[in-house]
Amino acid sequence: MKKINMIDSLIIILTFVLISCTGKGNKPEKEPVQLEASAIEVSIGGMTCLACEETIQRVVGKLEGIKSVKASFTVGNAIIEYFPGMIDSVKIKEAINGSGYTAKKCIIPQSDATVN
């Protein structure tokens, strides 16, 4: 049987340290947290053309917590998907109002509930 010398011992110790530090040992990996998006329909006053739609989509779309924005000047609204833990309807309405349009009211689609 072969004797384990000092270098072999150090290699074994370093291997265990590396496995422990990288988390590649027997520990189960944590599942990533998945956020569920909600949607609101915002009635918007002042949109008259495609450029207005693009402005709303750009302004609201750059807010943190927004998943998607689809504005329609012909209908006078925007459908906005957002992550409730990151942003709320008040901040969305403030962004719309700050861009020169009027956010009149927010309606939660699939429901009759209104968000003020």
C-alpha atoms as a PDB file:
ATOM      1  CA  MET A   1       0.000   0.000   0.000  1.00  0.00           C
ATOM      2  CA  LYS A   2       1.245   3.471  -0.893  1.00  0.00           C
ATOM      3  CA  LYS A   3       1.917   6.034   1.843  1.00  0.00           C
ATOM      4  CA  ILE A   4       0.110   9.350   1.626  1.00  0.00           C
ATOM      5  CA  ASN A   5       2.696  12.086   1.652  1.00  0.00           C
ATOM      6  CA  MET A   6       2.314  15.752   2.541  1.00  0.00           C
ATOM      7  CA  ILE A   7       1.587  16.868  -1.051  1.00  0.00           C
ATOM      8  CA  ASP A   8      -1.143  14.266  -1.495  1.00  0.00           C
ATOM      9  CA  SER A   9      -2.714  15.378   1.786  1.00  0.00           C
ATOM     10  CA  LEU A  10      -2.712  19.012   0.676  1.00  0.00           C
ATOM     11  CA  ILE A  11      -4.312  18.092  -2.659  1.00  0.00           C
ATOM     12  CA  ILE A  12      -7.088  16.214  -0.881  1.00  0.00           C
ATOM     13  CA  ILE A  13      -7.711  19.103   1.545  1.00  0.00           C
ATOM     14  CA  LEU A  14      -7.718  21.698  -1.252  1.00  0.00           C
ATOM     15  CA  THR A  15     -10.155  19.585  -3.255  1.00  0.00           C
ATOM     16  CA  PHE A  16     -12.608  19.512  -0.348  1.00  0.00           C
ATOM     17  CA  VAL A  17     -12.195  23.268   0.195  1.00  0.00           C
ATOM     18  CA  LEU A  18     -12.866  24.008  -3.476  1.00  0.00           C
ATOM     19  CA  ILE A  19     -15.944  21.792  -3.519  1.00  0.00           C
ATOM     20  CA  SER A  20     -17.267  23.529  -0.406  1.00  0.00           C
ATOM     21  CA  CYS A  21     -16.595  27.050  -1.703  1.00  0.00           C
ATOM     22  CA  THR A  22     -18.131  26.534  -5.123  1.00  0.00           C
ATOM     23  CA  GLY A  23     -21.314  25.021  -3.740  1.00  0.00           C
ATOM     24  CA  LYS A  24     -20.941  21.994  -6.010  1.00  0.00           C
ATOM     25  CA  GLY A  25     -21.120  19.574  -3.104  1.00  0.00           C
ATOM     26  CA  ASN A  26     -24.244  17.681  -2.108  1.00  0.00           C
ATOM     27  CA  LYS A  27     -26.232  20.848  -1.382  1.00  0.00           C
ATOM     28  CA  PRO A  28     -29.376  21.228  -3.515  1.00  0.00           C
ATOM     29  CA  GLU A  29     -29.423  24.366  -5.616  1.00  0.00           C
ATOM     30  CA  LYS A  30     -32.041  26.990  -4.775  1.00  0.00           C
ATOM     31  CA  GLU A  31     -34.838  27.467  -7.265  1.00  0.00           C
ATOM     32  CA  PRO A  32     -34.836  30.939  -8.832  1.00  0.00           C
ATOM     33  CA  VAL A  33     -37.641  33.175  -7.628  1.00  0.00           C
ATOM     34  CA  GLN A  34     -40.203  33.642 -10.360  1.00  0.00           C
ATOM     35  CA  LEU A  35     -42.347  36.736 -10.352  1.00  0.00           C
ATOM     36  CA  GLU A  36     -45.884  36.622 -11.641  1.00  0.00           C
ATOM     37  CA  ALA A  37     -46.943  39.568 -13.777  1.00  0.00           C
ATOM     38  CA  SER A  38     -50.280  41.332 -13.449  1.00  0.00           C
ATOM     39  CA  ALA A  39     -52.005  43.400 -16.108  1.00  0.00           C
ATOM     40  CA  ILE A  40     -53.921  46.667 -16.009  1.00  0.00           C
ATOM     41  CA  GLU A  41     -55.728  48.666 -18.646  1.00  0.00           C
ATOM     42  CA  VAL A  42     -55.133  52.402 -18.333  1.00  0.00           C
ATOM     43  CA  SER A  43     -57.537  54.815 -20.004  1.00  0.00           C
ATOM     44  CA  ILE A  44     -55.393  57.622 -21.459  1.00  0.00           C
ATOM     45  CA  GLY A  45     -56.440  61.042 -22.703  1.00  0.00           C
ATOM     46  CA  GLY A  46     -54.507  63.105 -25.236  1.00  0.00           C
ATOM     47  CA  MET A  47     -53.196  60.425 -27.592  1.00  0.00           C
ATOM     48  CA  THR A  48     -53.865  61.355 -31.229  1.00  0.00           C
ATOM     49  CA  CYS A  49     -51.382  59.364 -33.340  1.00  0.00           C
ATOM     50  CA  LEU A  50     -48.879  56.534 -33.583  1.00  0.00           C
ATOM     51  CA  ALA A  51     -46.146  58.754 -32.128  1.00  0.00           C
ATOM     52  CA  CYS A  52     -48.297  59.170 -29.005  1.00  0.00           C
ATOM     53  CA  GLU A  53     -48.545  55.376 -28.686  1.00  0.00           C
ATOM     54  CA  GLU A  54     -44.784  55.065 -29.056  1.00  0.00           C
ATOM     55  CA  THR A  55     -44.190  57.739 -26.419  1.00  0.00           C
ATOM     56  CA  ILE A  56     -46.425  55.952 -23.889  1.00  0.00           C
ATOM     57  CA  GLN A  57     -44.792  52.605 -24.664  1.00  0.00           C
ATOM     58  CA  ARG A  58     -41.292  54.065 -24.309  1.00  0.00           C
ATOM     59  CA  VAL A  59     -41.946  56.076 -21.130  1.00  0.00           C
ATOM     60  CA  VAL A  60     -43.833  53.349 -19.282  1.00  0.00           C
ATOM     61  CA  GLY A  61     -41.689  50.560 -20.731  1.00  0.00           C
ATOM     62  CA  LYS A  62     -38.484  51.941 -19.241  1.00  0.00           C
ATOM     63  CA  LEU A  63     -39.876  51.861 -15.686  1.00  0.00           C
ATOM     64  CA  GLU A  64     -38.442  49.140 -13.489  1.00  0.00           C
ATOM     65  CA  GLY A  65     -41.008  46.395 -12.991  1.00  0.00           C
ATOM     66  CA  ILE A  66     -42.744  46.739 -16.364  1.00  0.00           C
ATOM     67  CA  LYS A  67     -42.966  43.600 -18.486  1.00  0.00           C
ATOM     68  CA  SER A  68     -44.800  44.990 -21.543  1.00  0.00           C
ATOM     69  CA  VAL A  69     -46.822  47.976 -22.768  1.00  0.00           C
ATOM     70  CA  LYS A  70     -49.252  48.091 -25.676  1.00  0.00           C
ATOM     71  CA  ALA A  71     -50.796  51.526 -26.232  1.00  0.00           C
ATOM     72  CA  SER A  72     -53.587  52.326 -28.711  1.00  0.00           C
ATOM     73  CA  PHE A  73     -54.476  55.889 -29.649  1.00  0.00           C
ATOM     74  CA  THR A  74     -57.610  54.714 -31.493  1.00  0.00           C
ATOM     75  CA  VAL A  75     -58.986  53.067 -28.337  1.00  0.00           C
ATOM     76  CA  GLY A  76     -57.414  55.615 -25.988  1.00  0.00           C
ATOM     77  CA  ASN A  77     -55.787  53.140 -23.643  1.00  0.00           C
ATOM     78  CA  ALA A  78     -52.730  51.057 -22.819  1.00  0.00           C
ATOM     79  CA  ILE A  79     -52.542  47.466 -21.640  1.00  0.00           C
ATOM     80  CA  ILE A  80     -49.620  47.185 -19.250  1.00  0.00           C
ATOM     81  CA  GLU A  81     -48.122  44.028 -17.785  1.00  0.00           C
ATOM     82  CA  TYR A  82     -46.135  44.716 -14.621  1.00  0.00           C
ATOM     83  CA  PHE A  83     -44.679  43.023 -11.548  1.00  0.00           C
ATOM     84  CA  PRO A  84     -46.697  44.219  -8.505  1.00  0.00           C
ATOM     85  CA  GLY A  85     -43.820  43.790  -6.059  1.00  0.00           C
ATOM     86  CA  MET A  86     -41.674  46.160  -8.107  1.00  0.00           C
ATOM     87  CA  ILE A  87     -44.092  48.893  -9.234  1.00  0.00           C
ATOM     88  CA  ASP A  88     -47.705  49.916  -8.682  1.00  0.00           C
ATOM     89  CA  SER A  89     -50.464  51.597 -10.695  1.00  0.00           C
ATOM     90  CA  VAL A  90     -49.832  54.977  -9.049  1.00  0.00           C
ATOM     91  CA  LYS A  91     -46.265  55.136 -10.405  1.00  0.00           C
ATOM     92  CA  ILE A  92     -47.449  54.010 -13.815  1.00  0.00           C
ATOM     93  CA  LYS A  93     -50.101  56.760 -13.901  1.00  0.00           C
ATOM     94  CA  GLU A  94     -47.520  59.337 -12.744  1.00  0.00           C
ATOM     95  CA  ALA A  95     -45.207  58.367 -15.620  1.00  0.00           C
ATOM     96  CA  ILE A  96     -48.050  58.721 -18.143  1.00  0.00           C
ATOM     97  CA  ASN A  97     -49.109  62.091 -16.720  1.00  0.00           C
ATOM     98  CA  GLY A  98     -45.483  63.243 -16.670  1.00  0.00           C
ATOM     99  CA  SER A  99     -45.159  62.524 -20.386  1.00  0.00           C
ATOM    100  CA  GLY A 100     -47.938  64.994 -21.282  1.00  0.00           C
ATOM    101  CA  TYR A 101     -50.925  62.645 -21.408  1.00  0.00           C
ATOM    102  CA  THR A 102     -53.698  62.043 -18.888  1.00  0.00           C
ATOM    103  CA  ALA A 103     -54.027  58.674 -17.183  1.00  0.00           C
ATOM    104  CA  LYS A 104     -57.737  58.662 -16.388  1.00  0.00           C
ATOM    105  CA  LYS A 105     -58.276  55.333 -14.653  1.00  0.00           C
ATOM    106  CA  CYS A 106     -56.800  51.862 -14.320  1.00  0.00           C
ATOM    107  CA  ILE A 107     -58.923  48.774 -14.784  1.00  0.00           C
ATOM    108  CA  ILE A 108     -57.796  45.259 -13.990  1.00  0.00           C
ATOM    109  CA  PRO A 109     -58.700  43.137 -17.049  1.00  0.00           C
ATOM    110  CA  GLN A 110     -60.647  39.897 -16.434  1.00  0.00           C
ATOM    111  CA  SER A 111     -62.373  41.677 -13.561  1.00  0.00           C
ATOM    112  CA  ASP A 112     -64.655  44.607 -12.831  1.00  0.00           C
ATOM    113  CA  ALA A 113     -62.309  45.913 -10.115  1.00  0.00           C
ATOM    114  CA  THR A 114     -60.909  49.395 -10.675  1.00  0.00           C
ATOM    115  CA  VAL A 115     -57.483  50.480  -9.422  1.00  0.00           C
ATOM    116  CA  ASN A 116     -57.248  54.163  -8.509  1.00  0.00           C
END
